[in-house]
């Protein structure tokens, strides 16, 4: 891995969809504090497995985000709001 991508590029990628993604050397949005882009270090469907690998590696300061479906690709299911997804893990 190690390719530098924007978060929208990652979210559109089939490679990362449905997986937790570890990003290093992130650039953050000053207003929302959410990662805008970063170097993809690792990814996994299992958050615990990914965190274990990150703890055992030299990449201890990664942002870990879940790559679900893009908002614009999701069909509205109801007028009720769904729970807020997890934020970045630092």
Protein backbone atom coordinates (compact mmCIF):
# COMPACT_ATOMS: atom_id res chain seq x y z
CA UNK A 1 0.00 0.00 0.00
CA UNK A 2 1.34 3.47 0.76
CA UNK A 3 -0.36 5.33 -2.09
CA UNK A 4 -1.48 8.89 -1.30
CA UNK A 5 -5.17 9.31 -2.03
CA UNK A 6 -7.94 11.73 -1.19
CA UNK A 7 -10.72 10.47 1.09
CA UNK A 8 -13.28 10.72 -1.78
CA UNK A 9 -10.98 8.55 -3.95
CA UNK A 10 -10.75 5.99 -1.17
CA UNK A 11 -14.53 5.99 -0.66
CA UNK A 12 -15.12 5.38 -4.38
CA UNK A 13 -12.60 2.53 -4.53
CA UNK A 14 -13.97 -1.02 -4.56
CA UNK A 15 -10.68 -2.12 -2.96
CA UNK A 16 -11.54 -0.32 0.30
CA UNK A 17 -15.36 -0.44 0.38
CA UNK A 18 -16.62 -2.08 3.56
CA UNK A 19 -13.16 -1.99 5.14
CA UNK A 20 -11.38 0.00 7.84
CA UNK A 21 -8.57 2.05 6.31
CA UNK A 22 -5.44 3.28 8.12
CA UNK A 23 -4.14 6.61 6.78
CA UNK A 24 -0.79 8.15 7.61
CA UNK A 25 0.55 11.64 6.84
CA UNK A 26 -3.01 12.98 6.67
CA UNK A 27 -4.10 16.41 5.61
CA UNK A 28 -7.12 17.51 7.67
CA UNK A 29 -10.00 19.87 6.96
CA UNK A 30 -9.51 22.82 9.34
CA UNK A 31 -13.27 23.26 9.80
CA UNK A 32 -14.36 19.64 10.39
CA UNK A 33 -11.04 18.05 11.52
CA UNK A 34 -11.78 15.14 9.15
CA UNK A 35 -8.98 13.69 6.99
CA UNK A 36 -8.98 15.02 3.42
CA UNK A 37 -6.20 12.81 2.11
CA UNK A 38 -3.40 10.58 3.29
CA UNK A 39 -1.15 7.66 2.54
CA UNK A 40 -3.00 4.36 2.78
CA UNK A 41 -0.97 2.17 5.12
CA UNK A 42 -3.28 -0.82 5.57
CA UNK A 43 -6.93 -1.86 5.50
CA UNK A 44 -9.04 -4.69 6.89
CA UNK A 45 -12.69 -5.68 7.32
CA UNK A 46 -11.91 -6.36 11.00
CA UNK A 47 -11.12 -3.23 13.03
CA UNK A 48 -9.43 -5.20 15.82
CA UNK A 49 -7.11 -6.97 13.38
CA UNK A 50 -6.17 -3.68 11.74
CA UNK A 51 -5.51 -1.99 15.10
CA UNK A 52 -3.38 -4.95 16.22
CA UNK A 53 -1.24 -4.67 13.09
CA UNK A 54 -0.92 -0.91 13.53
CA UNK A 55 0.24 -1.35 17.15
CA UNK A 56 2.86 -3.88 16.04
CA UNK A 57 4.13 -1.66 13.22
CA UNK A 58 5.91 1.67 13.10
CA UNK A 59 2.66 3.36 11.99
CA UNK A 60 1.35 4.29 15.43
CA UNK A 61 -0.23 7.66 14.55
CA UNK A 62 -2.61 6.72 11.76
CA UNK A 63 -6.16 7.89 11.30
CA UNK A 64 -8.42 4.85 10.97
CA UNK A 65 -11.67 5.39 9.11
CA UNK A 66 -14.45 3.13 7.88
CA UNK A 67 -15.00 3.19 4.14
CA UNK A 68 -18.70 2.59 3.65
CA UNK A 69 -20.92 3.53 0.75
CA UNK A 70 -20.60 7.04 -0.65
CA UNK A 71 -23.45 9.32 0.42
CA UNK A 72 -24.39 10.15 -3.15
CA UNK A 73 -24.56 6.45 -4.10
CA UNK A 74 -26.94 5.51 -1.28
CA UNK A 75 -30.65 5.46 -2.02
CA UNK A 76 -32.71 7.08 0.73
CA UNK A 77 -34.36 4.38 2.84
CA UNK A 78 -36.49 6.53 5.12
CA UNK A 79 -36.76 10.01 6.52
CA UNK A 80 -35.22 8.87 9.82
CA UNK A 81 -31.57 9.65 10.34
CA UNK A 82 -29.25 6.71 10.82
CA UNK A 83 -26.71 6.67 13.66
CA UNK A 84 -23.53 8.63 13.07
CA UNK A 85 -20.73 6.33 11.83
CA UNK A 86 -17.51 6.09 13.86
CA UNK A 87 -15.02 8.92 13.42
CA UNK A 88 -11.30 8.66 12.89
CA UNK A 89 -9.30 6.70 15.45
CA UNK A 90 -5.94 8.32 16.25
